[in-house]
Amino acid sequence: MLNDLLLAAAHHLLVFALVAMLVAESVLLRGPLDGGVLQRLAKLDAGYGGCAGLLLAIGLGRLWFGVKGPDFYLHNPWFHAKLGAFVLVGLLSILPTVRFLRWRKALGANPAFLPEAADVAKMRAIVRFELVLLGAVFVLAAAMARYGGF
């Protein structure tokens, strides 16, 4: 029982951390960019990726070692939809991650480097779409918890 509580608490805290980092990225992409902002974006994105990986690991821990057990999750269509939406967020996050790393490398080569406005706008749109999809993950999680396998 304590095991389930610890897994659930860690899962929820990681969700909040993930959202906070993604919101911070969105805010940074909205304002003027300089070298410091580009460095912060890369660091935030690394934290975001780490949180996402831990969140997935803890979620799998809940699936196998939690009170509800694998039968609840593996036969629950809401769980599959939630996991699919989370994976889609992860796939979408690849482009900003690669771009932030390129920007940081370009900044190292040229301290006056600034990304093009169109490139920044594209990354901002992707990050905001990730936030919308995370909202869908929350709705699917609520449906999963309440409606089980129908």
N, C-alpha and C. Protein backbone atom coordinates (compact mmCIF):
# COMPACT_ATOMS: atom_id res chain seq x y z
N MET A 1 0.83 -1.19 0.00
CA MET A 1 0.00 0.00 0.00
C MET A 1 0.88 1.25 0.00
N LEU A 2 1.91 1.27 0.84
CA LEU A 2 2.82 2.42 0.87
C LEU A 2 3.54 2.55 -0.46
N ASN A 3 3.88 1.42 -1.06
CA ASN A 3 4.53 1.40 -2.36
C ASN A 3 3.67 2.14 -3.39
N ASP A 4 2.37 1.85 -3.39
CA ASP A 4 1.45 2.50 -4.33
C ASP A 4 1.37 4.00 -4.07
N LEU A 5 1.33 4.39 -2.81
CA LEU A 5 1.28 5.81 -2.46
C LEU A 5 2.53 6.54 -2.95
N LEU A 6 3.69 5.94 -2.73
CA LEU A 6 4.94 6.57 -3.17
C LEU A 6 5.01 6.68 -4.69
N LEU A 7 4.58 5.64 -5.38
CA LEU A 7 4.57 5.68 -6.84
C LEU A 7 3.60 6.75 -7.35
N ALA A 8 2.41 6.82 -6.75
CA ALA A 8 1.42 7.81 -7.16
C ALA A 8 1.91 9.23 -6.90
N ALA A 9 2.50 9.45 -5.73
CA ALA A 9 3.01 10.78 -5.39
C ALA A 9 4.13 11.20 -6.34
N ALA A 10 5.05 10.29 -6.61
CA ALA A 10 6.15 10.60 -7.53
C ALA A 10 5.60 10.88 -8.93
N HIS A 11 4.62 10.11 -9.35
CA HIS A 11 4.01 10.28 -10.66
C HIS A 11 3.39 11.68 -10.79
N HIS A 12 2.63 12.07 -9.78
CA HIS A 12 1.97 13.39 -9.82
C HIS A 12 2.99 14.52 -9.75
N LEU A 13 3.99 14.41 -8.90
CA LEU A 13 5.01 15.47 -8.81
C LEU A 13 5.77 15.62 -10.13
N LEU A 14 6.07 14.52 -10.77
CA LEU A 14 6.76 14.58 -12.06
C LEU A 14 5.88 15.22 -13.13
N VAL A 15 4.58 14.95 -13.09
CA VAL A 15 3.66 15.59 -14.04
C VAL A 15 3.72 17.10 -13.87
N PHE A 16 3.66 17.56 -12.63
CA PHE A 16 3.70 19.02 -12.38
C PHE A 16 5.03 19.61 -12.82
N ALA A 17 6.12 18.91 -12.56
CA ALA A 17 7.44 19.39 -12.98
C ALA A 17 7.52 19.47 -14.50
N LEU A 18 7.01 18.46 -15.17
CA LEU A 18 7.02 18.42 -16.63
C LEU A 18 6.26 19.61 -17.21
N VAL A 19 5.08 19.85 -16.68
CA VAL A 19 4.27 20.98 -17.17
C VAL A 19 4.97 22.30 -16.87
N ALA A 20 5.55 22.44 -15.69
CA ALA A 20 6.24 23.68 -15.33
C ALA A 20 7.38 23.98 -16.30
N MET A 21 8.14 22.96 -16.64
CA MET A 21 9.27 23.18 -17.56
C MET A 21 8.79 23.52 -18.96
N LEU A 22 7.72 22.90 -19.39
CA LEU A 22 7.20 23.19 -20.72
C LEU A 22 6.59 24.59 -20.77
N VAL A 23 5.93 25.01 -19.71
CA VAL A 23 5.40 26.38 -19.65
C VAL A 23 6.55 27.38 -19.65
N ALA A 24 7.61 27.08 -18.90
CA ALA A 24 8.78 27.97 -18.87
C ALA A 24 9.40 28.09 -20.26
N GLU A 25 9.49 26.99 -20.99
CA GLU A 25 9.99 27.05 -22.37
C GLU A 25 9.11 27.94 -23.22
N SER A 26 7.81 27.78 -23.09
CA SER A 26 6.87 28.58 -23.87
C SER A 26 7.03 30.07 -23.56
N VAL A 27 7.19 30.40 -22.30
CA VAL A 27 7.37 31.80 -21.90
C VAL A 27 8.68 32.35 -22.45
N LEU A 28 9.74 31.58 -22.36
CA LEU A 28 11.03 32.05 -22.88
C LEU A 28 10.98 32.26 -24.39
N LEU A 29 10.25 31.42 -25.09
CA LEU A 29 10.16 31.54 -26.54
C LEU A 29 9.29 32.73 -26.97
N ARG A 30 8.55 33.28 -26.06
CA ARG A 30 7.67 34.40 -26.37
C ARG A 30 8.40 35.74 -26.29
N GLY A 31 9.43 35.82 -25.47
CA GLY A 31 10.13 37.08 -25.26
C GLY A 31 11.35 37.22 -26.16
N PRO A 32 12.10 38.29 -25.95
CA PRO A 32 13.31 38.47 -26.76
C PRO A 32 14.36 37.42 -26.37
N LEU A 33 15.05 36.92 -27.39
CA LEU A 33 16.05 35.90 -27.16
C LEU A 33 17.44 36.52 -27.15
N ASP A 34 18.27 36.01 -26.25
CA ASP A 34 19.69 36.36 -26.24
C ASP A 34 20.44 35.09 -25.82
N GLY A 35 21.73 35.18 -25.67
CA GLY A 35 22.53 34.02 -25.33
C GLY A 35 22.09 33.34 -24.05
N GLY A 36 21.76 34.13 -23.04
CA GLY A 36 21.33 33.56 -21.76
C GLY A 36 20.02 32.79 -21.89
N VAL A 37 19.10 33.34 -22.67
CA VAL A 37 17.81 32.67 -22.87
C VAL A 37 18.02 31.36 -23.65
N LEU A 38 18.88 31.39 -24.65
CA LEU A 38 19.14 30.17 -25.42
C LEU A 38 19.74 29.08 -24.53
N GLN A 39 20.63 29.46 -23.62
CA GLN A 39 21.22 28.50 -22.68
C GLN A 39 20.14 27.94 -21.74
N ARG A 40 19.28 28.82 -21.24
CA ARG A 40 18.21 28.37 -20.33
C ARG A 40 17.24 27.43 -21.04
N LEU A 41 16.94 27.73 -22.31
CA LEU A 41 16.04 26.86 -23.07
C LEU A 41 16.62 25.45 -23.17
N ALA A 42 17.89 25.36 -23.49
CA ALA A 42 18.53 24.05 -23.62
C ALA A 42 18.53 23.30 -22.28
N LYS A 43 18.80 24.00 -21.19
CA LYS A 43 18.81 23.35 -19.87
C LYS A 43 17.40 22.92 -19.46
N LEU A 44 16.43 23.79 -19.69
CA LEU A 44 15.04 23.43 -19.37
C LEU A 44 14.60 22.22 -20.17
N ASP A 45 14.97 22.20 -21.43
CA ASP A 45 14.57 21.10 -22.28
C ASP A 45 15.21 19.79 -21.84
N ALA A 46 16.45 19.85 -21.37
CA ALA A 46 17.10 18.66 -20.83
C ALA A 46 16.35 18.18 -19.57
N GLY A 47 15.97 19.10 -18.71
CA GLY A 47 15.19 18.75 -17.53
C GLY A 47 13.83 18.17 -17.90
N TYR A 48 13.23 18.74 -18.92
CA TYR A 48 11.94 18.27 -19.42
C TYR A 48 12.06 16.83 -19.92
N GLY A 49 13.10 16.55 -20.67
CA GLY A 49 13.32 15.19 -21.17
C GLY A 49 13.57 14.20 -20.04
N GLY A 50 14.36 14.63 -19.06
CA GLY A 50 14.61 13.77 -17.90
C GLY A 50 13.34 13.48 -17.13
N CYS A 51 12.54 14.51 -16.93
CA CYS A 51 11.26 14.33 -16.22
C CYS A 51 10.34 13.39 -16.99
N ALA A 52 10.29 13.55 -18.31
CA ALA A 52 9.43 12.69 -19.12
C ALA A 52 9.87 11.23 -19.01
N GLY A 53 11.17 10.99 -19.04
CA GLY A 53 11.67 9.63 -18.89
C GLY A 53 11.34 9.03 -17.52
N LEU A 54 11.56 9.84 -16.47
CA LEU A 54 11.22 9.37 -15.13
C LEU A 54 9.72 9.14 -14.97
N LEU A 55 8.93 10.03 -15.56
CA LEU A 55 7.47 9.90 -15.50
C LEU A 55 7.03 8.59 -16.14
N LEU A 56 7.60 8.27 -17.28
CA LEU A 56 7.26 7.02 -17.94
C LEU A 56 7.69 5.82 -17.09
N ALA A 57 8.88 5.89 -16.51
CA ALA A 57 9.36 4.79 -15.67
C ALA A 57 8.48 4.60 -14.43
N ILE A 58 8.12 5.70 -13.78
CA ILE A 58 7.26 5.62 -12.59
C ILE A 58 5.87 5.12 -12.99
N GLY A 59 5.39 5.59 -14.14
CA GLY A 59 4.09 5.12 -14.62
C GLY A 59 4.09 3.62 -14.86
N LEU A 60 5.17 3.11 -15.44
CA LEU A 60 5.27 1.66 -15.62
C LEU A 60 5.37 0.95 -14.29
N GLY A 61 6.02 1.59 -13.31
CA GLY A 61 6.06 1.04 -11.96
C GLY A 61 4.67 0.95 -11.36
N ARG A 62 3.85 1.97 -11.60
CA ARG A 62 2.47 1.93 -11.11
C ARG A 62 1.69 0.81 -11.78
N LEU A 63 1.93 0.63 -13.07
CA LEU A 63 1.24 -0.41 -13.81
C LEU A 63 1.55 -1.79 -13.21
N TRP A 64 2.83 -2.08 -12.98
CA TRP A 64 3.24 -3.42 -12.54
C TRP A 64 3.18 -3.62 -11.03
N PHE A 65 3.43 -2.55 -10.25
CA PHE A 65 3.55 -2.72 -8.80
C PHE A 65 2.50 -1.96 -8.00
N GLY A 66 1.62 -1.24 -8.69
CA GLY A 66 0.58 -0.48 -8.01
C GLY A 66 -0.58 -1.37 -7.57
N VAL A 67 -1.48 -0.79 -6.79
CA VAL A 67 -2.61 -1.53 -6.24
C VAL A 67 -3.54 -2.06 -7.33
N LYS A 68 -3.76 -1.28 -8.40
CA LYS A 68 -4.71 -1.70 -9.44
C LYS A 68 -4.17 -2.83 -10.30
N GLY A 69 -2.86 -2.86 -10.49
CA GLY A 69 -2.24 -3.96 -11.23
C GLY A 69 -2.42 -3.88 -12.73
N PRO A 70 -1.70 -4.74 -13.44
CA PRO A 70 -1.69 -4.71 -14.90
C PRO A 70 -3.06 -4.96 -15.54
N ASP A 71 -3.89 -5.79 -14.93
CA ASP A 71 -5.20 -6.07 -15.54
C ASP A 71 -6.04 -4.81 -15.70
N PHE A 72 -5.98 -3.93 -14.71
CA PHE A 72 -6.75 -2.68 -14.81
C PHE A 72 -6.25 -1.84 -15.98
N TYR A 73 -4.94 -1.69 -16.08
CA TYR A 73 -4.36 -0.80 -17.08
C TYR A 73 -4.37 -1.40 -18.48
N LEU A 74 -3.96 -2.63 -18.61
CA LEU A 74 -3.77 -3.21 -19.94
C LEU A 74 -5.09 -3.48 -20.66
N HIS A 75 -6.19 -3.53 -19.94
CA HIS A 75 -7.50 -3.73 -20.56
C HIS A 75 -8.33 -2.45 -20.56
N ASN A 76 -7.67 -1.34 -20.32
CA ASN A 76 -8.36 -0.06 -20.19
C ASN A 76 -8.08 0.79 -21.43
N PRO A 77 -9.09 1.03 -22.29
CA PRO A 77 -8.84 1.82 -23.50
C PRO A 77 -8.40 3.26 -23.20
N TRP A 78 -8.84 3.79 -22.08
CA TRP A 78 -8.44 5.16 -21.71
C TRP A 78 -6.94 5.21 -21.41
N PHE A 79 -6.41 4.15 -20.80
CA PHE A 79 -4.98 4.07 -20.54
C PHE A 79 -4.19 4.08 -21.85
N HIS A 80 -4.65 3.31 -22.82
CA HIS A 80 -3.96 3.26 -24.10
C HIS A 80 -4.01 4.62 -24.81
N ALA A 81 -5.14 5.28 -24.73
CA ALA A 81 -5.26 6.62 -25.34
C ALA A 81 -4.35 7.62 -24.61
N LYS A 82 -4.30 7.53 -23.29
CA LYS A 82 -3.43 8.41 -22.50
C LYS A 82 -1.97 8.18 -22.83
N LEU A 83 -1.57 6.93 -22.88
CA LEU A 83 -0.19 6.60 -23.20
C LEU A 83 0.15 7.04 -24.63
N GLY A 84 -0.78 6.85 -25.55
CA GLY A 84 -0.57 7.29 -26.92
C GLY A 84 -0.39 8.79 -27.03
N ALA A 85 -1.21 9.55 -26.30
CA ALA A 85 -1.08 11.01 -26.31
C ALA A 85 0.25 11.43 -25.70
N PHE A 86 0.68 10.75 -24.64
CA PHE A 86 1.96 11.07 -24.01
C PHE A 86 3.12 10.79 -24.96
N VAL A 87 3.04 9.68 -25.67
CA VAL A 87 4.08 9.34 -26.65
C VAL A 87 4.09 10.39 -27.76
N LEU A 88 2.93 10.83 -28.19
CA LEU A 88 2.86 11.87 -29.22
C LEU A 88 3.52 13.16 -28.74
N VAL A 89 3.29 13.53 -27.49
CA VAL A 89 3.96 14.71 -26.92
C VAL A 89 5.48 14.50 -26.98
N GLY A 90 5.92 13.31 -26.61
CA GLY A 90 7.35 13.01 -26.64
C GLY A 90 7.93 13.11 -28.04
N LEU A 91 7.21 12.59 -29.01
CA LEU A 91 7.68 12.66 -30.39
C LEU A 91 7.74 14.11 -30.88
N LEU A 92 6.72 14.88 -30.53
CA LEU A 92 6.71 16.30 -30.92
C LEU A 92 7.86 17.07 -30.29
N SER A 93 8.28 16.64 -29.11
CA SER A 93 9.33 17.38 -28.39
C SER A 93 10.71 17.17 -29.00
N ILE A 94 10.84 16.21 -29.90
CA ILE A 94 12.16 15.95 -30.50
C ILE A 94 12.64 17.16 -31.30
N LEU A 95 11.76 17.75 -32.09
CA LEU A 95 12.19 18.88 -32.93
C LEU A 95 12.68 20.07 -32.09
N PRO A 96 11.94 20.53 -31.08
CA PRO A 96 12.49 21.62 -30.25
C PRO A 96 13.80 21.23 -29.57
N THR A 97 13.91 19.99 -29.11
CA THR A 97 15.15 19.56 -28.45
C THR A 97 16.33 19.69 -29.40
N VAL A 98 16.17 19.17 -30.59
CA VAL A 98 17.25 19.25 -31.59
C VAL A 98 17.56 20.70 -31.92
N ARG A 99 16.51 21.49 -32.09
CA ARG A 99 16.71 22.90 -32.44
C ARG A 99 17.41 23.66 -31.32
N PHE A 100 17.01 23.44 -30.07
CA PHE A 100 17.65 24.14 -28.94
C PHE A 100 19.13 23.77 -28.84
N LEU A 101 19.44 22.50 -29.09
CA LEU A 101 20.84 22.08 -29.05
C LEU A 101 21.64 22.73 -30.18
N ARG A 102 21.04 22.83 -31.37
CA ARG A 102 21.70 23.52 -32.48
C ARG A 102 21.93 24.98 -32.16
N TRP A 103 20.92 25.62 -31.58
CA TRP A 103 21.05 27.03 -31.22
C TRP A 103 22.19 27.21 -30.22
N ARG A 104 22.26 26.32 -29.24
CA ARG A 104 23.31 26.44 -28.24
C ARG A 104 24.69 26.22 -28.86
N LYS A 105 24.79 25.28 -29.77
CA LYS A 105 26.06 25.04 -30.47
C LYS A 105 26.43 26.26 -31.32
N ALA A 106 25.47 26.82 -32.03
CA ALA A 106 25.73 28.01 -32.86
C ALA A 106 26.14 29.19 -31.98
N LEU A 107 25.55 29.28 -30.80
CA LEU A 107 25.90 30.35 -29.87
C LEU A 107 27.34 30.18 -29.39
N GLY A 108 27.75 28.93 -29.19
CA GLY A 108 29.14 28.68 -28.78
C GLY A 108 30.13 29.08 -29.86
N ALA A 109 29.74 28.88 -31.12
CA ALA A 109 30.62 29.23 -32.24
C ALA A 109 30.60 30.72 -32.53
N ASN A 110 29.45 31.35 -32.26
CA ASN A 110 29.30 32.78 -32.54
C ASN A 110 28.47 33.41 -31.42
N PRO A 111 29.09 34.11 -30.47
CA PRO A 111 28.36 34.68 -29.33
C PRO A 111 27.26 35.67 -29.71
N ALA A 112 27.27 36.15 -30.95
CA ALA A 112 26.23 37.08 -31.41
C ALA A 112 25.07 36.35 -32.09
N PHE A 113 25.12 35.02 -32.12
CA PHE A 113 24.08 34.25 -32.82
C PHE A 113 22.72 34.47 -32.19
N LEU A 114 21.74 34.66 -33.06
CA LEU A 114 20.33 34.68 -32.67
C LEU A 114 19.55 33.89 -33.72
N PRO A 115 18.65 33.03 -33.31
CA PRO A 115 17.87 32.26 -34.29
C PRO A 115 16.91 33.17 -35.06
N GLU A 116 16.51 32.71 -36.24
CA GLU A 116 15.57 33.48 -37.05
C GLU A 116 14.21 33.51 -36.37
N ALA A 117 13.51 34.62 -36.54
CA ALA A 117 12.19 34.80 -35.91
C ALA A 117 11.22 33.70 -36.32
N ALA A 118 11.25 33.29 -37.57
CA ALA A 118 10.34 32.24 -38.04
C ALA A 118 10.63 30.91 -37.35
N ASP A 119 11.89 30.64 -37.11
CA ASP A 119 12.30 29.42 -36.43
C ASP A 119 11.82 29.43 -34.97
N VAL A 120 11.96 30.57 -34.34
CA VAL A 120 11.50 30.72 -32.96
C VAL A 120 9.98 30.55 -32.90
N ALA A 121 9.27 31.15 -33.83
CA ALA A 121 7.81 31.04 -33.85
C ALA A 121 7.36 29.59 -34.05
N LYS A 122 8.08 28.86 -34.88
CA LYS A 122 7.75 27.45 -35.11
C LYS A 122 7.95 26.65 -33.83
N MET A 123 9.05 26.89 -33.12
CA MET A 123 9.30 26.16 -31.88
C MET A 123 8.26 26.52 -30.82
N ARG A 124 7.90 27.80 -30.77
CA ARG A 124 6.88 28.25 -29.81
C ARG A 124 5.55 27.53 -30.09
N ALA A 125 5.18 27.42 -31.35
CA ALA A 125 3.92 26.74 -31.71
C ALA A 125 3.96 25.27 -31.32
N ILE A 126 5.09 24.61 -31.54
CA ILE A 126 5.20 23.19 -31.19
C ILE A 126 5.10 23.01 -29.68
N VAL A 127 5.81 23.84 -28.92
CA VAL A 127 5.77 23.74 -27.46
C VAL A 127 4.36 23.98 -26.94
N ARG A 128 3.66 24.94 -27.51
CA ARG A 128 2.28 25.20 -27.07
C ARG A 128 1.35 24.05 -27.43
N PHE A 129 1.57 23.44 -28.58
CA PHE A 129 0.77 22.29 -28.96
C PHE A 129 1.04 21.11 -28.02
N GLU A 130 2.28 20.97 -27.60
CA GLU A 130 2.61 19.94 -26.60
C GLU A 130 1.81 20.17 -25.32
N LEU A 131 1.70 21.43 -24.91
CA LEU A 131 0.92 21.75 -23.71
C LEU A 131 -0.56 21.39 -23.89
N VAL A 132 -1.09 21.65 -25.06
CA VAL A 132 -2.49 21.28 -25.34
C VAL A 132 -2.65 19.77 -25.25
N LEU A 133 -1.72 19.04 -25.85
CA LEU A 133 -1.80 17.58 -25.79
C LEU A 133 -1.64 17.06 -24.37
N LEU A 134 -0.82 17.73 -23.55
CA LEU A 134 -0.72 17.32 -22.14
C LEU A 134 -2.05 17.53 -21.43
N GLY A 135 -2.78 18.57 -21.81
CA GLY A 135 -4.13 18.75 -21.28
C GLY A 135 -5.02 17.57 -21.62
N ALA A 136 -4.88 17.07 -22.85
CA ALA A 136 -5.64 15.88 -23.24
C ALA A 136 -5.22 14.67 -22.42
N VAL A 137 -3.93 14.55 -22.11
CA VAL A 137 -3.45 13.46 -21.26
C VAL A 137 -4.14 13.52 -19.90
N PHE A 138 -4.30 14.71 -19.34
CA PHE A 138 -4.97 14.85 -18.04
C PHE A 138 -6.43 14.40 -18.11
N VAL A 139 -7.12 14.78 -19.17
CA VAL A 139 -8.52 14.39 -19.34
C VAL A 139 -8.61 12.87 -19.49
N LEU A 140 -7.72 12.29 -20.28
CA LEU A 140 -7.72 10.84 -20.47
C LEU A 140 -7.37 10.12 -19.17
N ALA A 141 -6.50 10.70 -18.36
CA ALA A 141 -6.16 10.09 -17.06
C ALA A 141 -7.39 10.07 -16.15
N ALA A 142 -8.14 11.15 -16.16
CA ALA A 142 -9.36 11.19 -15.34
C ALA A 142 -10.36 10.15 -15.82
N ALA A 143 -10.52 10.04 -17.14
CA ALA A 143 -11.44 9.04 -17.69
C ALA A 143 -10.97 7.63 -17.34
N MET A 144 -9.67 7.42 -17.42
CA MET A 144 -9.10 6.11 -17.11
C MET A 144 -9.41 5.73 -15.66
N ALA A 145 -9.22 6.65 -14.75
CA ALA A 145 -9.43 6.38 -13.33
C ALA A 145 -10.91 6.14 -13.01
N ARG A 146 -11.80 6.82 -13.72
CA ARG A 146 -13.22 6.74 -13.38
C ARG A 146 -13.99 5.68 -14.15
N TYR A 147 -13.60 5.43 -15.38
CA TYR A 147 -14.39 4.53 -16.22
C TYR A 147 -13.72 3.20 -16.50
N GLY A 148 -12.48 3.04 -16.06
CA GLY A 148 -11.82 1.75 -16.22
C GLY A 148 -11.95 1.20 -17.61
N GLY A 149 -12.32 -0.02 -17.73
CA GLY A 149 -12.49 -0.67 -19.03
C GLY A 149 -13.90 -0.58 -19.55
N PHE A 150 -14.65 0.44 -19.15
CA PHE A 150 -16.05 0.71 -19.51
C PHE A 150 -16.97 -0.05 -18.64
